């Protein structure tokens, strides 16, 4: 099934898809960080939402 671009949150809440603007909007709002900070965290620990959250909290 194709992505529904009208969705406000991610399809798979365990992974962060940096290529989807609506998902980036969801995660930056959830974590209270900029897109750049989210990208750095994903680059560092991968796209697991749990790993990114732990990384951001420890920074």
PDB file of N, CA and C in Angstrom:
ATOM      1  N   UNK A   1       0.847  -1.176   0.000  1.00  0.00           N
ATOM      2  CA  UNK A   1       0.000   0.000   0.000  1.00  0.00           C
ATOM      3  C   UNK A   1       0.893   1.239   0.000  1.00  0.00           C
ATOM      4  N   UNK A   2       0.561   2.197  -0.815  1.00  0.00           N
ATOM      5  CA  UNK A   2       1.353   3.426  -0.934  1.00  0.00           C
ATOM      6  C   UNK A   2       1.166   4.312   0.289  1.00  0.00           C
ATOM      7  N   UNK A   3       2.179   5.148   0.534  1.00  0.00           N
ATOM      8  CA  UNK A   3       2.070   6.105   1.641  1.00  0.00           C
ATOM      9  C   UNK A   3       0.918   7.060   1.406  1.00  0.00           C
ATOM     10  N   UNK A   4       0.171   7.343   2.447  1.00  0.00           N
ATOM     11  CA  UNK A   4      -0.885   8.343   2.396  1.00  0.00           C
ATOM     12  C   UNK A   4      -0.270   9.648   2.884  1.00  0.00           C
ATOM     13  N   UNK A   5      -0.050  10.578   1.976  1.00  0.00           N
ATOM     14  CA  UNK A   5       0.636  11.824   2.310  1.00  0.00           C
ATOM     15  C   UNK A   5      -0.204  12.735   3.203  1.00  0.00           C
ATOM     16  N   UNK A   6      -1.472  12.398   3.396  1.00  0.00           N
ATOM     17  CA  UNK A   6      -2.319  13.195   4.288  1.00  0.00           C
ATOM     18  C   UNK A   6      -2.167  12.776   5.743  1.00  0.00           C
ATOM     19  N   UNK A   7      -1.475  11.672   5.991  1.00  0.00           N
ATOM     20  CA  UNK A   7      -1.277  11.201   7.358  1.00  0.00           C
ATOM     21  C   UNK A   7      -0.423  12.194   8.137  1.00  0.00           C
ATOM     22  N   UNK A   8      -0.733  12.373   9.390  1.00  0.00           N
ATOM     23  CA  UNK A   8       0.008  13.307  10.240  1.00  0.00           C
ATOM     24  C   UNK A   8       1.149  12.638  10.986  1.00  0.00           C
ATOM     25  N   UNK A   9       1.039  11.356  11.261  1.00  0.00           N
ATOM     26  CA  UNK A   9       2.069  10.632  11.997  1.00  0.00           C
ATOM     27  C   UNK A   9       2.660   9.532  11.141  1.00  0.00           C
ATOM     28  N   UNK A  10       3.708   8.906  11.633  1.00  0.00           N
ATOM     29  CA  UNK A  10       4.375   7.870  10.856  1.00  0.00           C
ATOM     30  C   UNK A  10       3.562   6.584  10.795  1.00  0.00           C
ATOM     31  N   UNK A  11       3.739   5.822   9.717  1.00  0.00           N
ATOM     32  CA  UNK A  11       3.089   4.517   9.579  1.00  0.00           C
ATOM     33  C   UNK A  11       3.669   3.530  10.585  1.00  0.00           C
ATOM     34  N   UNK A  12       4.964   3.532  10.714  1.00  0.00           N
ATOM     35  CA  UNK A  12       5.668   2.625  11.618  1.00  0.00           C
ATOM     36  C   UNK A  12       6.331   3.480  12.684  1.00  0.00           C
ATOM     37  N   UNK A  13       5.762   3.501  13.857  1.00  0.00           N
ATOM     38  CA  UNK A  13       6.247   4.386  14.912  1.00  0.00           C
ATOM     39  C   UNK A  13       7.558   3.903  15.537  1.00  0.00           C
ATOM     40  N   UNK A  14       8.111   2.805  15.057  1.00  0.00           N
ATOM     41  CA  UNK A  14       9.386   2.334  15.590  1.00  0.00           C
ATOM     42  C   UNK A  14      10.564   2.826  14.760  1.00  0.00           C
ATOM     43  N   UNK A  15      10.300   3.375  13.582  1.00  0.00           N
ATOM     44  CA  UNK A  15      11.351   3.840  12.660  1.00  0.00           C
ATOM     45  C   UNK A  15      11.077   5.269  12.231  1.00  0.00           C
ATOM     46  N   UNK A  16      12.141   6.013  12.000  1.00  0.00           N
ATOM     47  CA  UNK A  16      12.033   7.397  11.556  1.00  0.00           C
ATOM     48  C   UNK A  16      12.443   7.459  10.088  1.00  0.00           C
ATOM     49  N   UNK A  17      11.511   7.887   9.233  1.00  0.00           N
ATOM     50  CA  UNK A  17      11.772   8.004   7.792  1.00  0.00           C
ATOM     51  C   UNK A  17      12.078   9.472   7.484  1.00  0.00           C
ATOM     52  N   UNK A  18      13.354   9.787   7.403  1.00  0.00           N
ATOM     53  CA  UNK A  18      13.757  11.177   7.174  1.00  0.00           C
ATOM     54  C   UNK A  18      13.353  11.685   5.794  1.00  0.00           C
ATOM     55  N   UNK A  19      13.032  10.817   4.871  1.00  0.00           N
ATOM     56  CA  UNK A  19      12.631  11.223   3.522  1.00  0.00           C
ATOM     57  C   UNK A  19      11.177  11.637   3.402  1.00  0.00           C
ATOM     58  N   UNK A  20      10.416  11.495   4.466  1.00  0.00           N
ATOM     59  CA  UNK A  20       8.991  11.845   4.455  1.00  0.00           C
ATOM     60  C   UNK A  20       8.766  13.054   5.350  1.00  0.00           C
ATOM     61  N   UNK A  21       8.416  14.179   4.736  1.00  0.00           N
ATOM     62  CA  UNK A  21       8.256  15.428   5.496  1.00  0.00           C
ATOM     63  C   UNK A  21       7.253  15.304   6.631  1.00  0.00           C
ATOM     64  N   UNK A  22       6.121  14.622   6.402  1.00  0.00           N
ATOM     65  CA  UNK A  22       5.118  14.516   7.465  1.00  0.00           C
ATOM     66  C   UNK A  22       5.648  13.693   8.632  1.00  0.00           C
ATOM     67  N   UNK A  23       6.509  12.724   8.368  1.00  0.00           N
ATOM     68  CA  UNK A  23       7.104  11.966   9.463  1.00  0.00           C
ATOM     69  C   UNK A  23       8.140  12.799  10.201  1.00  0.00           C
ATOM     70  N   UNK A  24       8.967  13.536   9.463  1.00  0.00           N
ATOM     71  CA  UNK A  24       9.951  14.421  10.101  1.00  0.00           C
ATOM     72  C   UNK A  24       9.226  15.439  10.977  1.00  0.00           C
ATOM     73  N   UNK A  25       8.123  16.007  10.481  1.00  0.00           N
ATOM     74  CA  UNK A  25       7.337  16.953  11.280  1.00  0.00           C
ATOM     75  C   UNK A  25       6.845  16.303  12.574  1.00  0.00           C
ATOM     76  N   UNK A  26       6.360  15.074  12.477  1.00  0.00           N
ATOM     77  CA  UNK A  26       5.873  14.353  13.650  1.00  0.00           C
ATOM     78  C   UNK A  26       6.989  14.167  14.681  1.00  0.00           C
ATOM     79  N   UNK A  27       8.145  13.645  14.222  1.00  0.00           N
ATOM     80  CA  UNK A  27       9.231  13.329  15.155  1.00  0.00           C
ATOM     81  C   UNK A  27       9.885  14.584  15.730  1.00  0.00           C
ATOM     82  N   UNK A  28      10.052  15.640  14.931  1.00  0.00           N
ATOM     83  CA  UNK A  28      10.653  16.859  15.480  1.00  0.00           C
ATOM     84  C   UNK A  28       9.737  17.459  16.542  1.00  0.00           C
ATOM     85  N   UNK A  29       8.431  17.383  16.316  1.00  0.00           N
ATOM     86  CA  UNK A  29       7.483  17.884  17.315  1.00  0.00           C
ATOM     87  C   UNK A  29       7.501  16.996  18.561  1.00  0.00           C
ATOM     88  N   UNK A  30       7.500  15.692  18.362  1.00  0.00           N
ATOM     89  CA  UNK A  30       7.490  14.757  19.499  1.00  0.00           C
ATOM     90  C   UNK A  30       8.725  14.921  20.376  1.00  0.00           C
ATOM     91  N   UNK A  31       9.895  15.064  19.742  1.00  0.00           N
ATOM     92  CA  UNK A  31      11.140  15.167  20.496  1.00  0.00           C
ATOM     93  C   UNK A  31      11.527  16.606  20.826  1.00  0.00           C
ATOM     94  N   UNK A  32      10.849  17.586  20.238  1.00  0.00           N
ATOM     95  CA  UNK A  32      11.168  18.989  20.512  1.00  0.00           C
ATOM     96  C   UNK A  32      12.520  19.412  19.993  1.00  0.00           C
ATOM     97  N   UNK A  33      12.879  18.927  18.797  1.00  0.00           N
ATOM     98  CA  UNK A  33      14.178  19.240  18.201  1.00  0.00           C
ATOM     99  C   UNK A  33      13.987  19.748  16.772  1.00  0.00           C
ATOM    100  N   UNK A  34      15.051  20.314  16.223  1.00  0.00           N
ATOM    101  CA  UNK A  34      15.028  20.767  14.836  1.00  0.00           C
ATOM    102  C   UNK A  34      15.216  19.573  13.899  1.00  0.00           C
ATOM    103  N   UNK A  35      14.924  19.796  12.627  1.00  0.00           N
ATOM    104  CA  UNK A  35      15.150  18.768  11.620  1.00  0.00           C
ATOM    105  C   UNK A  35      16.627  18.371  11.585  1.00  0.00           C
ATOM    106  N   UNK A  36      17.502  19.364  11.710  1.00  0.00           N
ATOM    107  CA  UNK A  36      18.937  19.102  11.668  1.00  0.00           C
ATOM    108  C   UNK A  36      19.375  18.235  12.850  1.00  0.00           C
ATOM    109  N   UNK A  37      18.859  18.536  14.043  1.00  0.00           N
ATOM    110  CA  UNK A  37      19.203  17.738  15.222  1.00  0.00           C
ATOM    111  C   UNK A  37      18.679  16.309  15.079  1.00  0.00           C
ATOM    112  N   UNK A  38      17.483  16.175  14.536  1.00  0.00           N
ATOM    113  CA  UNK A  38      16.925  14.847  14.304  1.00  0.00           C
ATOM    114  C   UNK A  38      17.781  14.080  13.294  1.00  0.00           C
ATOM    115  N   UNK A  39      18.196  14.744  12.222  1.00  0.00           N
ATOM    116  CA  UNK A  39      19.029  14.097  11.207  1.00  0.00           C
ATOM    117  C   UNK A  39      20.365  13.653  11.796  1.00  0.00           C
ATOM    118  N   UNK A  40      20.973  14.507  12.614  1.00  0.00           N
ATOM    119  CA  UNK A  40      22.248  14.130  13.251  1.00  0.00           C
ATOM    120  C   UNK A  40      22.073  12.900  14.137  1.00  0.00           C
ATOM    121  N   UNK A  41      20.963  12.861  14.884  1.00  0.00           N
ATOM    122  CA  UNK A  41      20.711  11.716  15.758  1.00  0.00           C
ATOM    123  C   UNK A  41      20.508  10.449  14.936  1.00  0.00           C
ATOM    124  N   UNK A  42      19.746  10.534  13.851  1.00  0.00           N
ATOM    125  CA  UNK A  42      19.529   9.375  12.982  1.00  0.00           C
ATOM    126  C   UNK A  42      20.847   8.930  12.362  1.00  0.00           C
ATOM    127  N   UNK A  43      21.661   9.886  11.940  1.00  0.00           N
ATOM    128  CA  UNK A  43      22.973   9.549  11.365  1.00  0.00           C
ATOM    129  C   UNK A  43      23.862   8.846  12.393  1.00  0.00           C
ATOM    130  N   UNK A  44      23.722   9.217  13.657  1.00  0.00           N
ATOM    131  CA  UNK A  44      24.570   8.663  14.716  1.00  0.00           C
ATOM    132  C   UNK A  44      24.113   7.284  15.174  1.00  0.00           C
ATOM    133  N   UNK A  45      22.804   7.121  15.425  1.00  0.00           N
ATOM    134  CA  UNK A  45      22.321   5.880  16.039  1.00  0.00           C
ATOM    135  C   UNK A  45      21.397   5.054  15.152  1.00  0.00           C
ATOM    136  N   UNK A  46      21.102   5.526  13.964  1.00  0.00           N
ATOM    137  CA  UNK A  46      20.189   4.801  13.084  1.00  0.00           C
ATOM    138  C   UNK A  46      18.769   5.342  13.195  1.00  0.00           C
ATOM    139  N   UNK A  47      17.835   4.710  12.493  1.00  0.00           N
ATOM    140  CA  UNK A  47      16.482   5.260  12.424  1.00  0.00           C
ATOM    141  C   UNK A  47      15.499   4.656  13.422  1.00  0.00           C
ATOM    142  N   UNK A  48      15.980   3.914  14.393  1.00  0.00           N
ATOM    143  CA  UNK A  48      15.109   3.408  15.448  1.00  0.00           C
ATOM    144  C   UNK A  48      14.652   4.575  16.317  1.00  0.00           C
ATOM    145  N   UNK A  49      13.335   4.735  16.440  1.00  0.00           N
ATOM    146  CA  UNK A  49      12.795   5.841  17.232  1.00  0.00           C
ATOM    147  C   UNK A  49      13.250   5.766  18.684  1.00  0.00           C
ATOM    148  N   UNK A  50      13.307   4.563  19.245  1.00  0.00           N
ATOM    149  CA  UNK A  50      13.752   4.410  20.632  1.00  0.00           C
ATOM    150  C   UNK A  50      15.209   4.831  20.799  1.00  0.00           C
ATOM    151  N   UNK A  51      16.065   4.413  19.863  1.00  0.00           N
ATOM    152  CA  UNK A  51      17.488   4.762  19.944  1.00  0.00           C
ATOM    153  C   UNK A  51      17.681   6.265  19.776  1.00  0.00           C
ATOM    154  N   UNK A  52      16.943   6.864  18.860  1.00  0.00           N
ATOM    155  CA  UNK A  52      17.043   8.312  18.649  1.00  0.00           C
ATOM    156  C   UNK A  52      16.583   9.055  19.894  1.00  0.00           C
ATOM    157  N   UNK A  53      15.484   8.611  20.492  1.00  0.00           N
ATOM    158  CA  UNK A  53      14.983   9.268  21.699  1.00  0.00           C
ATOM    159  C   UNK A  53      16.010   9.178  22.832  1.00  0.00           C
ATOM    160  N   UNK A  54      16.603   8.011  23.044  1.00  0.00           N
ATOM    161  CA  UNK A  54      17.620   7.845  24.082  1.00  0.00           C
ATOM    162  C   UNK A  54      18.818   8.766  23.808  1.00  0.00           C
ATOM    163  N   UNK A  55      19.224   8.810  22.556  1.00  0.00           N
ATOM    164  CA  UNK A  55      20.378   9.648  22.164  1.00  0.00           C
ATOM    165  C   UNK A  55      20.079  11.124  22.437  1.00  0.00           C
ATOM    166  N   UNK A  56      18.902  11.577  22.047  1.00  0.00           N
ATOM    167  CA  UNK A  56      18.554  12.987  22.230  1.00  0.00           C
ATOM    168  C   UNK A  56      18.441  13.349  23.713  1.00  0.00           C
ATOM    169  N   UNK A  57      17.930  12.436  24.519  1.00  0.00           N
ATOM    170  CA  UNK A  57      17.805  12.695  25.962  1.00  0.00           C
ATOM    171  C   UNK A  57      19.156  12.735  26.659  1.00  0.00           C
ATOM    172  N   UNK A  58      20.128  11.998  26.106  1.00  0.00           N
ATOM    173  CA  UNK A  58      21.443  11.947  26.738  1.00  0.00           C
ATOM    174  C   UNK A  58      22.341  13.101  26.273  1.00  0.00           C
ATOM    175  N   UNK A  59      21.923  13.801  25.243  1.00  0.00           N
ATOM    176  CA  UNK A  59      22.743  14.908  24.700  1.00  0.00           C
ATOM    177  C   UNK A  59      22.544  16.188  25.454  1.00  0.00           C
TER     178      UNK A  59
END
